[in-house]
Amino acid sequence: MTANPARILWGVGTSRTMRAHWMLAELDLPYERCAMTSRSGETLTPEYTQLNPSQKIPALQEGDFVLTESAAIVNYLAGRYGAAKHLCPPTESKGRARYDQWCFFAMMELDANTLYVIRKHEDLPHIYGEAPNALQAAREGFVRQAKAAVARLEGAPYVLGDAFSGADILLTTCLSGAIRRKIELPDALHAYLLRTTARAAYQHALRLNQRDAA
C-alpha cells in the first residue's frame, strides 16, 4: 500500500484508530499515516484543533474533506469505495436498519457505556477519579451485552450473515478491547473473533496502528 498525500489518516494506537486503518486496509486504499497518539499533546495543537475541534483521533482527511468519529469513517469509506469488494453497507431498507443497529449497539452499549467507563476510571483515575461501583457495573454490563451479541448473531459467521462488513470492524474492536480488560466472553464470540482477526487486512492494520510501524 503506497502513500497518497491527498488522503491522510490521523491517529494510531487506539481501538478507534484501528477501525479506520482496518477499513482502509480492507479496501486497499493508499493513504498517508500521521502517527499521532492520544493524550500525547499532539491533538491539542492549533493546527490539529482546526482540523478536528474535538481534539481526538482518528480523523480522515481527503483533500478539503475532513471526517471524524471512527464509526463514521468506517461507514464513509465502505459506502464510497466498497462496492467492488462487497463492503458497501446494505442499501435495502431492512438490511441497512440491521446494519445500523449493529453499529449503534457496538458504539453505545459496548464502547461508550462500558469500555470507555472502564478506561476512564481504571486507566485515568487521576483525571476522572476512582469509581469502583461504576467499574463493576461497566464490566457486568459488557458481559450482558456480549450475550445479547451472541443471540443476535444466531450462529452466523458475521453480523450480517455470510458477508463481512464495517459493522464487524466495530464489533471486533470492542470485543478485542474487552479481552484486553480481562472481561470473559462467550465461546461463540471467541470463535467470531478468530474469523475476523484472521483477515489479512486486520493483520496489516494492526501493524499500521502502531506508532513505530515501518
N, C-alpha and C. Protein backbone atom coordinates (compact mmCIF):
# COMPACT_ATOMS: atom_id res chain seq x y z
N MET A 1 0.85 -1.19 0.00
CA MET A 1 0.00 0.00 0.00
C MET A 1 0.89 1.24 0.00
N THR A 2 0.79 2.05 -1.00
CA THR A 2 1.61 3.25 -1.09
C THR A 2 0.88 4.46 -0.54
N ALA A 3 1.65 5.46 -0.13
CA ALA A 3 1.05 6.66 0.46
C ALA A 3 0.34 7.48 -0.61
N ASN A 4 -0.67 8.16 -0.19
CA ASN A 4 -1.41 9.08 -1.05
C ASN A 4 -1.59 10.37 -0.26
N PRO A 5 -0.80 11.44 -0.59
CA PRO A 5 -0.88 12.67 0.19
C PRO A 5 -2.26 13.29 0.21
N ALA A 6 -3.11 12.94 -0.77
CA ALA A 6 -4.46 13.50 -0.80
C ALA A 6 -5.36 12.85 0.26
N ARG A 7 -4.95 11.72 0.80
CA ARG A 7 -5.74 11.03 1.83
C ARG A 7 -4.83 10.80 3.04
N ILE A 8 -5.21 11.35 4.16
CA ILE A 8 -4.40 11.25 5.38
C ILE A 8 -5.28 10.70 6.50
N LEU A 9 -4.75 9.73 7.22
CA LEU A 9 -5.42 9.26 8.43
C LEU A 9 -4.58 9.69 9.63
N TRP A 10 -5.18 10.48 10.47
CA TRP A 10 -4.52 10.99 11.66
C TRP A 10 -4.86 10.09 12.84
N GLY A 11 -3.81 9.53 13.45
CA GLY A 11 -4.01 8.78 14.67
C GLY A 11 -3.62 7.32 14.60
N VAL A 12 -2.97 6.86 15.66
CA VAL A 12 -2.62 5.45 15.83
C VAL A 12 -2.76 5.12 17.32
N GLY A 13 -2.72 3.82 17.60
CA GLY A 13 -2.54 3.38 18.97
C GLY A 13 -3.78 3.10 19.78
N THR A 14 -4.97 3.29 19.22
CA THR A 14 -6.19 3.02 19.97
C THR A 14 -7.10 2.09 19.17
N SER A 15 -8.10 1.55 19.83
CA SER A 15 -9.06 0.70 19.11
C SER A 15 -9.84 1.52 18.09
N ARG A 16 -10.03 2.79 18.38
CA ARG A 16 -10.79 3.64 17.46
C ARG A 16 -9.99 3.97 16.20
N THR A 17 -8.71 4.23 16.36
CA THR A 17 -7.89 4.44 15.16
C THR A 17 -7.73 3.14 14.38
N MET A 18 -7.71 2.02 15.11
CA MET A 18 -7.61 0.72 14.45
C MET A 18 -8.75 0.50 13.47
N ARG A 19 -9.94 0.96 13.83
CA ARG A 19 -11.10 0.77 12.94
C ARG A 19 -10.87 1.41 11.58
N ALA A 20 -10.34 2.63 11.59
CA ALA A 20 -10.12 3.34 10.34
C ALA A 20 -9.00 2.69 9.53
N HIS A 21 -7.90 2.34 10.19
CA HIS A 21 -6.80 1.65 9.47
C HIS A 21 -7.29 0.34 8.87
N TRP A 22 -8.12 -0.36 9.60
CA TRP A 22 -8.61 -1.67 9.13
C TRP A 22 -9.46 -1.51 7.88
N MET A 23 -10.40 -0.56 7.88
CA MET A 23 -11.23 -0.39 6.69
C MET A 23 -10.40 0.06 5.49
N LEU A 24 -9.45 0.94 5.70
CA LEU A 24 -8.56 1.34 4.61
C LEU A 24 -7.81 0.13 4.05
N ALA A 25 -7.39 -0.76 4.96
CA ALA A 25 -6.68 -1.96 4.51
C ALA A 25 -7.61 -2.91 3.77
N GLU A 26 -8.83 -3.08 4.25
CA GLU A 26 -9.80 -3.94 3.55
C GLU A 26 -10.02 -3.45 2.12
N LEU A 27 -10.06 -2.13 1.96
CA LEU A 27 -10.33 -1.53 0.65
C LEU A 27 -9.07 -1.36 -0.18
N ASP A 28 -7.91 -1.61 0.43
CA ASP A 28 -6.62 -1.43 -0.24
C ASP A 28 -6.47 -0.01 -0.78
N LEU A 29 -6.87 0.96 0.03
CA LEU A 29 -6.77 2.36 -0.37
C LEU A 29 -5.44 2.95 0.08
N PRO A 30 -4.74 3.65 -0.80
CA PRO A 30 -3.49 4.31 -0.39
C PRO A 30 -3.78 5.52 0.49
N TYR A 31 -2.91 5.76 1.46
CA TYR A 31 -3.08 6.92 2.33
C TYR A 31 -1.79 7.20 3.08
N GLU A 32 -1.71 8.43 3.55
CA GLU A 32 -0.60 8.82 4.40
C GLU A 32 -1.01 8.63 5.85
N ARG A 33 -0.14 8.05 6.64
CA ARG A 33 -0.42 7.76 8.04
C ARG A 33 0.27 8.80 8.92
N CYS A 34 -0.52 9.57 9.66
CA CYS A 34 0.05 10.53 10.60
C CYS A 34 -0.04 9.91 11.99
N ALA A 35 1.10 9.48 12.53
CA ALA A 35 1.13 8.61 13.70
C ALA A 35 1.07 9.38 15.02
N MET A 36 0.09 10.25 15.17
CA MET A 36 -0.09 10.92 16.46
C MET A 36 -0.90 10.00 17.38
N THR A 37 -0.68 10.17 18.67
CA THR A 37 -1.34 9.32 19.65
C THR A 37 -2.21 10.15 20.59
N SER A 38 -3.06 9.45 21.29
CA SER A 38 -3.97 10.09 22.23
C SER A 38 -3.22 10.52 23.48
N ARG A 39 -3.62 11.63 24.08
CA ARG A 39 -3.09 12.15 25.34
C ARG A 39 -1.57 12.37 25.29
N SER A 40 -1.06 12.65 24.10
CA SER A 40 0.36 12.97 23.93
C SER A 40 0.57 14.47 23.80
N GLY A 41 -0.50 15.22 23.70
CA GLY A 41 -0.42 16.65 23.44
C GLY A 41 -0.50 16.98 21.97
N GLU A 42 -0.33 15.99 21.11
CA GLU A 42 -0.30 16.24 19.67
C GLU A 42 -1.66 16.67 19.13
N THR A 43 -2.73 16.20 19.77
CA THR A 43 -4.06 16.55 19.28
C THR A 43 -4.51 17.93 19.77
N LEU A 44 -3.70 18.56 20.62
CA LEU A 44 -4.09 19.85 21.21
C LEU A 44 -3.50 21.04 20.48
N THR A 45 -2.70 20.79 19.45
CA THR A 45 -2.07 21.88 18.72
C THR A 45 -3.12 22.68 17.96
N PRO A 46 -2.86 23.96 17.69
CA PRO A 46 -3.82 24.76 16.91
C PRO A 46 -4.09 24.17 15.54
N GLU A 47 -3.05 23.58 14.93
CA GLU A 47 -3.22 23.02 13.58
C GLU A 47 -4.21 21.85 13.60
N TYR A 48 -4.04 20.94 14.58
CA TYR A 48 -4.93 19.79 14.61
C TYR A 48 -6.32 20.19 15.12
N THR A 49 -6.37 21.13 16.03
CA THR A 49 -7.67 21.59 16.54
C THR A 49 -8.50 22.20 15.42
N GLN A 50 -7.85 22.87 14.49
CA GLN A 50 -8.57 23.41 13.34
C GLN A 50 -9.13 22.27 12.49
N LEU A 51 -8.38 21.18 12.41
CA LEU A 51 -8.83 20.01 11.64
C LEU A 51 -9.97 19.30 12.37
N ASN A 52 -9.79 19.10 13.67
CA ASN A 52 -10.80 18.41 14.48
C ASN A 52 -10.97 19.15 15.81
N PRO A 53 -11.98 19.99 15.93
CA PRO A 53 -12.19 20.76 17.15
C PRO A 53 -12.35 19.91 18.40
N SER A 54 -12.74 18.65 18.24
CA SER A 54 -12.87 17.76 19.40
C SER A 54 -11.52 17.34 19.96
N GLN A 55 -10.45 17.56 19.19
CA GLN A 55 -9.07 17.26 19.62
C GLN A 55 -8.90 15.77 19.94
N LYS A 56 -9.56 14.92 19.13
CA LYS A 56 -9.45 13.49 19.32
C LYS A 56 -9.06 12.81 18.01
N ILE A 57 -8.61 11.58 18.12
CA ILE A 57 -8.29 10.76 16.95
C ILE A 57 -9.24 9.57 16.92
N PRO A 58 -9.49 9.07 15.69
CA PRO A 58 -8.89 9.40 14.40
C PRO A 58 -9.61 10.54 13.69
N ALA A 59 -8.93 11.04 12.67
CA ALA A 59 -9.55 11.96 11.71
C ALA A 59 -9.07 11.55 10.32
N LEU A 60 -9.99 11.53 9.39
CA LEU A 60 -9.67 11.20 7.99
C LEU A 60 -9.76 12.47 7.17
N GLN A 61 -8.72 12.71 6.38
CA GLN A 61 -8.70 13.89 5.52
C GLN A 61 -8.52 13.44 4.08
N GLU A 62 -9.44 13.89 3.23
CA GLU A 62 -9.33 13.65 1.80
C GLU A 62 -9.43 15.01 1.11
N GLY A 63 -8.29 15.60 0.82
CA GLY A 63 -8.29 16.94 0.26
C GLY A 63 -8.90 17.90 1.27
N ASP A 64 -9.96 18.60 0.88
CA ASP A 64 -10.62 19.55 1.77
C ASP A 64 -11.67 18.90 2.67
N PHE A 65 -11.94 17.62 2.46
CA PHE A 65 -12.97 16.92 3.23
C PHE A 65 -12.34 16.28 4.46
N VAL A 66 -12.88 16.59 5.63
CA VAL A 66 -12.37 16.03 6.89
C VAL A 66 -13.53 15.35 7.61
N LEU A 67 -13.28 14.13 8.07
CA LEU A 67 -14.31 13.37 8.77
C LEU A 67 -13.71 12.80 10.05
N THR A 68 -14.46 12.94 11.14
CA THR A 68 -14.03 12.38 12.42
C THR A 68 -15.08 11.37 12.89
N GLU A 69 -14.81 10.75 14.03
CA GLU A 69 -15.62 9.67 14.62
C GLU A 69 -15.36 8.37 13.84
N SER A 70 -14.83 7.39 14.56
CA SER A 70 -14.34 6.18 13.91
C SER A 70 -15.44 5.43 13.14
N ALA A 71 -16.63 5.33 13.71
CA ALA A 71 -17.70 4.62 13.01
C ALA A 71 -18.10 5.35 11.74
N ALA A 72 -18.13 6.68 11.80
CA ALA A 72 -18.47 7.46 10.60
C ALA A 72 -17.42 7.26 9.52
N ILE A 73 -16.14 7.20 9.90
CA ILE A 73 -15.07 6.98 8.93
C ILE A 73 -15.21 5.61 8.29
N VAL A 74 -15.45 4.58 9.11
CA VAL A 74 -15.63 3.23 8.58
C VAL A 74 -16.77 3.18 7.58
N ASN A 75 -17.91 3.77 7.92
CA ASN A 75 -19.08 3.71 7.04
C ASN A 75 -18.92 4.56 5.80
N TYR A 76 -18.25 5.71 5.93
CA TYR A 76 -17.99 6.54 4.75
C TYR A 76 -17.11 5.79 3.75
N LEU A 77 -16.01 5.23 4.22
CA LEU A 77 -15.08 4.53 3.33
C LEU A 77 -15.77 3.34 2.66
N ALA A 78 -16.52 2.59 3.45
CA ALA A 78 -17.21 1.43 2.88
C ALA A 78 -18.25 1.86 1.84
N GLY A 79 -18.99 2.91 2.17
CA GLY A 79 -20.02 3.36 1.25
C GLY A 79 -19.48 3.94 -0.03
N ARG A 80 -18.36 4.66 0.07
CA ARG A 80 -17.82 5.32 -1.13
C ARG A 80 -16.97 4.39 -1.98
N TYR A 81 -16.21 3.50 -1.34
CA TYR A 81 -15.21 2.72 -2.09
C TYR A 81 -15.44 1.21 -2.03
N GLY A 82 -16.46 0.76 -1.32
CA GLY A 82 -16.53 -0.65 -1.01
C GLY A 82 -17.30 -1.54 -1.97
N ALA A 83 -17.88 -1.00 -3.04
CA ALA A 83 -18.73 -1.81 -3.90
C ALA A 83 -17.97 -2.97 -4.53
N ALA A 84 -16.79 -2.69 -5.05
CA ALA A 84 -16.04 -3.74 -5.76
C ALA A 84 -15.62 -4.87 -4.83
N LYS A 85 -15.45 -4.57 -3.57
CA LYS A 85 -15.04 -5.59 -2.60
C LYS A 85 -16.21 -6.06 -1.74
N HIS A 86 -17.41 -5.70 -2.14
CA HIS A 86 -18.63 -6.13 -1.44
C HIS A 86 -18.61 -5.69 0.03
N LEU A 87 -18.11 -4.49 0.26
CA LEU A 87 -18.04 -3.95 1.62
C LEU A 87 -19.00 -2.79 1.82
N CYS A 88 -19.82 -2.48 0.83
CA CYS A 88 -20.79 -1.40 1.00
C CYS A 88 -21.83 -1.78 2.04
N PRO A 89 -22.26 -0.83 2.85
CA PRO A 89 -23.41 -1.12 3.73
C PRO A 89 -24.62 -1.46 2.88
N PRO A 90 -25.53 -2.28 3.39
CA PRO A 90 -26.72 -2.65 2.61
C PRO A 90 -27.53 -1.42 2.21
N THR A 91 -28.12 -1.47 1.05
CA THR A 91 -28.97 -0.36 0.61
C THR A 91 -30.45 -0.66 0.83
N GLU A 92 -30.82 -1.93 0.86
CA GLU A 92 -32.21 -2.32 1.14
C GLU A 92 -32.55 -1.88 2.56
N SER A 93 -33.73 -1.33 2.76
CA SER A 93 -34.05 -0.61 4.00
C SER A 93 -33.92 -1.46 5.25
N LYS A 94 -34.43 -2.68 5.24
CA LYS A 94 -34.33 -3.52 6.43
C LYS A 94 -32.91 -3.99 6.66
N GLY A 95 -32.21 -4.29 5.57
CA GLY A 95 -30.80 -4.67 5.71
C GLY A 95 -29.97 -3.54 6.27
N ARG A 96 -30.22 -2.31 5.79
CA ARG A 96 -29.49 -1.15 6.31
C ARG A 96 -29.85 -0.89 7.77
N ALA A 97 -31.10 -1.08 8.11
CA ALA A 97 -31.51 -0.88 9.50
C ALA A 97 -30.81 -1.87 10.42
N ARG A 98 -30.68 -3.12 9.98
CA ARG A 98 -29.98 -4.11 10.79
C ARG A 98 -28.50 -3.77 10.91
N TYR A 99 -27.91 -3.31 9.82
CA TYR A 99 -26.51 -2.86 9.85
C TYR A 99 -26.35 -1.71 10.84
N ASP A 100 -27.23 -0.71 10.76
CA ASP A 100 -27.14 0.43 11.67
C ASP A 100 -27.33 -0.01 13.11
N GLN A 101 -28.24 -0.95 13.34
CA GLN A 101 -28.46 -1.44 14.69
C GLN A 101 -27.17 -1.99 15.29
N TRP A 102 -26.44 -2.79 14.51
CA TRP A 102 -25.18 -3.34 14.98
C TRP A 102 -24.16 -2.23 15.25
N CYS A 103 -24.09 -1.24 14.36
CA CYS A 103 -23.13 -0.15 14.55
C CYS A 103 -23.44 0.63 15.82
N PHE A 104 -24.70 0.98 16.02
CA PHE A 104 -25.07 1.75 17.21
C PHE A 104 -24.91 0.92 18.47
N PHE A 105 -25.21 -0.36 18.39
CA PHE A 105 -25.03 -1.27 19.52
C PHE A 105 -23.56 -1.32 19.94
N ALA A 106 -22.68 -1.49 18.97
CA ALA A 106 -21.25 -1.56 19.29
C ALA A 106 -20.74 -0.26 19.87
N MET A 107 -21.12 0.86 19.25
CA MET A 107 -20.60 2.15 19.69
C MET A 107 -21.16 2.59 21.04
N MET A 108 -22.41 2.28 21.32
CA MET A 108 -23.02 2.73 22.57
C MET A 108 -22.91 1.69 23.68
N GLU A 109 -23.50 0.52 23.48
CA GLU A 109 -23.57 -0.45 24.55
C GLU A 109 -22.21 -1.05 24.90
N LEU A 110 -21.36 -1.23 23.90
CA LEU A 110 -20.07 -1.85 24.16
C LEU A 110 -18.95 -0.84 24.35
N ASP A 111 -18.93 0.20 23.55
CA ASP A 111 -17.83 1.17 23.62
C ASP A 111 -18.11 2.25 24.66
N ALA A 112 -19.06 3.11 24.41
CA ALA A 112 -19.26 4.28 25.27
C ALA A 112 -19.75 3.93 26.67
N ASN A 113 -20.73 3.03 26.76
CA ASN A 113 -21.36 2.77 28.06
C ASN A 113 -20.57 1.83 28.96
N THR A 114 -19.62 1.10 28.40
CA THR A 114 -18.89 0.12 29.22
C THR A 114 -17.37 0.29 29.10
N LEU A 115 -16.81 0.06 27.91
CA LEU A 115 -15.35 0.10 27.78
C LEU A 115 -14.78 1.47 28.12
N TYR A 116 -15.45 2.54 27.70
CA TYR A 116 -14.90 3.86 27.97
C TYR A 116 -15.01 4.21 29.46
N VAL A 117 -16.04 3.73 30.10
CA VAL A 117 -16.15 3.92 31.55
C VAL A 117 -14.98 3.23 32.25
N ILE A 118 -14.65 2.02 31.81
CA ILE A 118 -13.53 1.28 32.40
C ILE A 118 -12.23 2.02 32.14
N ARG A 119 -12.03 2.50 30.93
CA ARG A 119 -10.79 3.23 30.63
C ARG A 119 -10.66 4.46 31.51
N LYS A 120 -11.73 5.22 31.68
CA LYS A 120 -11.65 6.46 32.45
C LYS A 120 -11.29 6.20 33.91
N HIS A 121 -11.93 5.22 34.52
CA HIS A 121 -11.78 5.06 35.96
C HIS A 121 -10.73 4.02 36.36
N GLU A 122 -10.28 3.22 35.38
CA GLU A 122 -9.23 2.23 35.67
C GLU A 122 -7.86 2.75 35.22
N ASP A 123 -7.81 3.35 34.03
CA ASP A 123 -6.53 3.82 33.49
C ASP A 123 -6.24 5.27 33.87
N LEU A 124 -7.28 6.07 34.03
CA LEU A 124 -7.10 7.51 34.20
C LEU A 124 -7.80 8.05 35.46
N PRO A 125 -7.62 7.37 36.59
CA PRO A 125 -8.31 7.85 37.79
C PRO A 125 -7.81 9.22 38.25
N HIS A 126 -6.58 9.58 37.85
CA HIS A 126 -6.05 10.90 38.23
C HIS A 126 -6.79 12.03 37.52
N ILE A 127 -7.50 11.68 36.44
CA ILE A 127 -8.30 12.68 35.71
C ILE A 127 -9.78 12.56 36.09
N TYR A 128 -10.29 11.32 36.06
CA TYR A 128 -11.73 11.12 36.21
C TYR A 128 -12.15 10.63 37.60
N GLY A 129 -11.16 10.32 38.43
CA GLY A 129 -11.47 9.84 39.76
C GLY A 129 -11.69 8.34 39.82
N GLU A 130 -11.57 7.79 41.02
CA GLU A 130 -11.83 6.37 41.21
C GLU A 130 -13.33 6.16 41.40
N ALA A 131 -13.85 5.12 40.77
CA ALA A 131 -15.28 4.85 40.82
C ALA A 131 -15.50 3.34 40.77
N PRO A 132 -15.23 2.63 41.86
CA PRO A 132 -15.31 1.17 41.85
C PRO A 132 -16.70 0.65 41.48
N ASN A 133 -17.75 1.32 41.93
CA ASN A 133 -19.10 0.86 41.59
C ASN A 133 -19.37 1.00 40.10
N ALA A 134 -18.91 2.11 39.53
CA ALA A 134 -19.09 2.30 38.09
C ALA A 134 -18.29 1.26 37.30
N LEU A 135 -17.09 0.95 37.77
CA LEU A 135 -16.27 -0.05 37.10
C LEU A 135 -16.94 -1.42 37.12
N GLN A 136 -17.45 -1.81 38.27
CA GLN A 136 -18.12 -3.10 38.37
C GLN A 136 -19.35 -3.15 37.49
N ALA A 137 -20.13 -2.07 37.51
CA ALA A 137 -21.34 -2.03 36.67
C ALA A 137 -20.99 -2.08 35.19
N ALA A 138 -19.90 -1.42 34.80
CA ALA A 138 -19.50 -1.42 33.39
C ALA A 138 -19.06 -2.82 32.95
N ARG A 139 -18.30 -3.50 33.79
CA ARG A 139 -17.86 -4.86 33.45
C ARG A 139 -19.06 -5.80 33.35
N GLU A 140 -19.96 -5.71 34.30
CA GLU A 140 -21.15 -6.56 34.27
C GLU A 140 -22.03 -6.21 33.08
N GLY A 141 -22.10 -4.93 32.77
CA GLY A 141 -22.88 -4.51 31.62
C GLY A 141 -22.33 -5.05 30.32
N PHE A 142 -21.01 -5.08 30.19
CA PHE A 142 -20.42 -5.61 28.96
C PHE A 142 -20.75 -7.09 28.82
N VAL A 143 -20.66 -7.83 29.91
CA VAL A 143 -20.96 -9.25 29.85
C VAL A 143 -22.40 -9.48 29.39
N ARG A 144 -23.33 -8.70 29.92
CA ARG A 144 -24.73 -8.83 29.49
C ARG A 144 -24.89 -8.54 28.00
N GLN A 145 -24.26 -7.48 27.54
CA GLN A 145 -24.40 -7.10 26.14
C GLN A 145 -23.66 -8.07 25.21
N ALA A 146 -22.61 -8.70 25.71
CA ALA A 146 -21.93 -9.73 24.92
C ALA A 146 -22.86 -10.90 24.67
N LYS A 147 -23.65 -11.26 25.68
CA LYS A 147 -24.64 -12.33 25.50
C LYS A 147 -25.70 -11.91 24.49
N ALA A 148 -26.07 -10.64 24.50
CA ALA A 148 -27.03 -10.15 23.51
C ALA A 148 -26.45 -10.24 22.10
N ALA A 149 -25.15 -9.98 21.98
CA ALA A 149 -24.50 -10.08 20.66
C ALA A 149 -24.55 -11.51 20.15
N VAL A 150 -24.32 -12.47 21.02
CA VAL A 150 -24.39 -13.88 20.62
C VAL A 150 -25.79 -14.21 20.11
N ALA A 151 -26.80 -13.74 20.84
CA ALA A 151 -28.18 -14.03 20.44
C ALA A 151 -28.49 -13.42 19.08
N ARG A 152 -27.99 -12.22 18.83
CA ARG A 152 -28.27 -11.56 17.55
C ARG A 152 -27.48 -12.19 16.40
N LEU A 153 -26.31 -12.72 16.68
CA LEU A 153 -25.53 -13.37 15.62
C LEU A 153 -26.23 -14.62 15.11
N GLU A 154 -26.93 -15.32 15.99
CA GLU A 154 -27.70 -16.51 15.61
C GLU A 154 -26.84 -17.53 14.88
N GLY A 155 -25.57 -17.64 15.30
CA GLY A 155 -24.69 -18.64 14.70
C GLY A 155 -24.10 -18.26 13.37
N ALA A 156 -24.39 -17.07 12.86
CA ALA A 156 -23.85 -16.63 11.56
C ALA A 156 -22.38 -16.28 11.70
N PRO A 157 -21.61 -16.39 10.61
CA PRO A 157 -20.19 -16.07 10.71
C PRO A 157 -19.92 -14.59 10.96
N TYR A 158 -20.78 -13.71 10.41
CA TYR A 158 -20.60 -12.26 10.59
C TYR A 158 -21.94 -11.64 10.99
N VAL A 159 -21.93 -10.38 11.33
CA VAL A 159 -23.15 -9.78 11.87
C VAL A 159 -24.27 -9.71 10.84
N LEU A 160 -23.93 -9.64 9.56
CA LEU A 160 -24.94 -9.62 8.51
C LEU A 160 -25.09 -10.98 7.82
N GLY A 161 -24.61 -12.02 8.46
CA GLY A 161 -24.70 -13.35 7.86
C GLY A 161 -23.37 -13.79 7.29
N ASP A 162 -23.35 -14.04 5.99
CA ASP A 162 -22.13 -14.52 5.35
C ASP A 162 -21.21 -13.39 4.90
N ALA A 163 -21.69 -12.15 4.92
CA ALA A 163 -20.92 -11.03 4.37
C ALA A 163 -20.24 -10.24 5.48
N PHE A 164 -18.92 -10.10 5.39
CA PHE A 164 -18.17 -9.24 6.30
C PHE A 164 -18.48 -7.78 5.97
N SER A 165 -18.59 -6.93 7.00
CA SER A 165 -18.93 -5.53 6.78
C SER A 165 -18.26 -4.64 7.81
N GLY A 166 -18.47 -3.34 7.65
CA GLY A 166 -17.92 -2.39 8.61
C GLY A 166 -18.43 -2.61 10.02
N ALA A 167 -19.65 -3.12 10.15
CA ALA A 167 -20.17 -3.40 11.49
C ALA A 167 -19.33 -4.46 12.20
N ASP A 168 -18.74 -5.38 11.44
CA ASP A 168 -17.84 -6.37 12.04
C ASP A 168 -16.56 -5.72 12.55
N ILE A 169 -16.10 -4.70 11.86
CA ILE A 169 -14.92 -3.97 12.33
C ILE A 169 -15.21 -3.33 13.67
N LEU A 170 -16.37 -2.70 13.79
CA LEU A 170 -16.72 -2.04 15.04
C LEU A 170 -16.89 -3.05 16.17
N LEU A 171 -17.59 -4.14 15.90
CA LEU A 171 -17.81 -5.15 16.94
C LEU A 171 -16.50 -5.81 17.35
N THR A 172 -15.66 -6.15 16.38
CA THR A 172 -14.40 -6.83 16.70
C THR A 172 -13.51 -5.97 17.58
N THR A 173 -13.39 -4.69 17.28
CA THR A 173 -12.51 -3.84 18.09
C THR A 173 -13.04 -3.69 19.51
N CYS A 174 -14.34 -3.71 19.68
CA CYS A 174 -14.90 -3.66 21.03
C CYS A 174 -14.64 -4.97 21.78
N LEU A 175 -14.85 -6.09 21.12
CA LEU A 175 -14.62 -7.38 21.77
C LEU A 175 -13.14 -7.57 22.11
N SER A 176 -12.26 -7.13 21.21
CA SER A 176 -10.83 -7.22 21.49
C SER A 176 -10.46 -6.36 22.69
N GLY A 177 -11.11 -5.20 22.81
CA GLY A 177 -10.88 -4.35 23.97
C GLY A 177 -11.32 -5.01 25.25
N ALA A 178 -12.41 -5.74 25.19
CA ALA A 178 -12.88 -6.45 26.38
C ALA A 178 -11.90 -7.53 26.80
N ILE A 179 -11.33 -8.23 25.83
CA ILE A 179 -10.35 -9.26 26.16
C ILE A 179 -9.13 -8.65 26.83
N ARG A 180 -8.69 -7.50 26.33
CA ARG A 180 -7.56 -6.82 26.97
C ARG A 180 -7.90 -6.42 28.41
N ARG A 181 -9.16 -6.18 28.67
CA ARG A 181 -9.62 -5.82 30.01
C ARG A 181 -9.94 -7.05 30.86
N LYS A 182 -9.66 -8.23 30.31
CA LYS A 182 -9.91 -9.48 31.01
C LYS A 182 -11.40 -9.67 31.35
N ILE A 183 -12.25 -9.24 30.42
CA ILE A 183 -13.68 -9.49 30.54
C ILE A 183 -13.98 -10.81 29.84
N GLU A 184 -14.67 -11.69 30.52
CA GLU A 184 -14.94 -13.02 29.98
C GLU A 184 -16.02 -12.94 28.91
N LEU A 185 -15.73 -13.52 27.76
CA LEU A 185 -16.68 -13.53 26.63
C LEU A 185 -17.20 -14.94 26.39
N PRO A 186 -18.40 -15.06 25.86
CA PRO A 186 -18.92 -16.38 25.49
C PRO A 186 -18.06 -17.03 24.40
N ASP A 187 -18.06 -18.35 24.38
CA ASP A 187 -17.26 -19.09 23.40
C ASP A 187 -17.60 -18.68 21.97
N ALA A 188 -18.87 -18.40 21.71
CA ALA A 188 -19.28 -18.04 20.35
C ALA A 188 -18.59 -16.76 19.88
N LEU A 189 -18.33 -15.83 20.80
CA LEU A 189 -17.65 -14.60 20.41
C LEU A 189 -16.16 -14.81 20.22
N HIS A 190 -15.57 -15.74 20.96
CA HIS A 190 -14.18 -16.09 20.69
C HIS A 190 -14.04 -16.71 19.30
N ALA A 191 -14.99 -17.55 18.93
CA ALA A 191 -14.97 -18.14 17.58
C ALA A 191 -15.16 -17.06 16.52
N TYR A 192 -16.04 -16.13 16.79
CA TYR A 192 -16.26 -15.00 15.87
C TYR A 192 -14.97 -14.20 15.70
N LEU A 193 -14.27 -13.92 16.79
CA LEU A 193 -13.03 -13.16 16.71
C LEU A 193 -11.94 -13.91 15.94
N LEU A 194 -11.91 -15.21 16.05
CA LEU A 194 -10.95 -15.97 15.27
C LEU A 194 -11.16 -15.74 13.77
N ARG A 195 -12.41 -15.62 13.35
CA ARG A 195 -12.70 -15.38 11.94
C ARG A 195 -12.30 -13.97 11.53
N THR A 196 -12.71 -12.98 12.31
CA THR A 196 -12.49 -11.60 11.87
C THR A 196 -11.02 -11.20 11.97
N THR A 197 -10.33 -11.63 13.01
CA THR A 197 -8.93 -11.21 13.19
C THR A 197 -7.96 -12.02 12.34
N ALA A 198 -8.45 -13.09 11.70
CA ALA A 198 -7.59 -13.84 10.78
C ALA A 198 -7.50 -13.18 9.41
N ARG A 199 -8.32 -12.16 9.17
CA ARG A 199 -8.30 -11.50 7.88
C ARG A 199 -6.97 -10.78 7.67
N ALA A 200 -6.45 -10.86 6.45
CA ALA A 200 -5.15 -10.23 6.14
C ALA A 200 -5.19 -8.73 6.40
N ALA A 201 -6.32 -8.10 6.10
CA ALA A 201 -6.43 -6.65 6.31
C ALA A 201 -6.34 -6.30 7.79
N TYR A 202 -6.90 -7.14 8.63
CA TYR A 202 -6.80 -6.89 10.08
C TYR A 202 -5.34 -6.94 10.51
N GLN A 203 -4.63 -7.95 10.08
CA GLN A 203 -3.23 -8.10 10.47
C GLN A 203 -2.39 -6.93 9.96
N HIS A 204 -2.68 -6.47 8.75
CA HIS A 204 -1.96 -5.33 8.19
C HIS A 204 -2.26 -4.07 8.99
N ALA A 205 -3.53 -3.86 9.29
CA ALA A 205 -3.93 -2.67 10.05
C ALA A 205 -3.35 -2.69 11.46
N LEU A 206 -3.26 -3.86 12.04
CA LEU A 206 -2.71 -3.98 13.39
C LEU A 206 -1.29 -3.44 13.44
N ARG A 207 -0.52 -3.70 12.38
CA ARG A 207 0.85 -3.17 12.32
C ARG A 207 0.84 -1.65 12.11
N LEU A 208 -0.02 -1.18 11.21
CA LEU A 208 -0.05 0.25 10.91
C LEU A 208 -0.61 1.08 12.06
N ASN A 209 -1.31 0.44 12.96
CA ASN A 209 -1.88 1.16 14.09
C ASN A 209 -0.87 1.36 15.23
N GLN A 210 0.34 0.92 15.01
CA GLN A 210 1.41 1.14 15.99
C GLN A 210 2.20 2.41 15.61
N ARG A 211 2.62 3.14 16.59
CA ARG A 211 3.31 4.41 16.33
C ARG A 211 4.58 4.19 15.52
N ASP A 212 5.33 3.15 15.83
CA ASP A 212 6.63 2.93 15.20
C ASP A 212 6.56 2.00 13.99
N ALA A 213 5.37 1.84 13.40
CA ALA A 213 5.25 0.97 12.23
C ALA A 213 6.08 1.52 11.08
N ALA A 214 6.68 0.59 10.33
CA ALA A 214 7.50 0.99 9.19
C ALA A 214 6.60 1.53 8.09
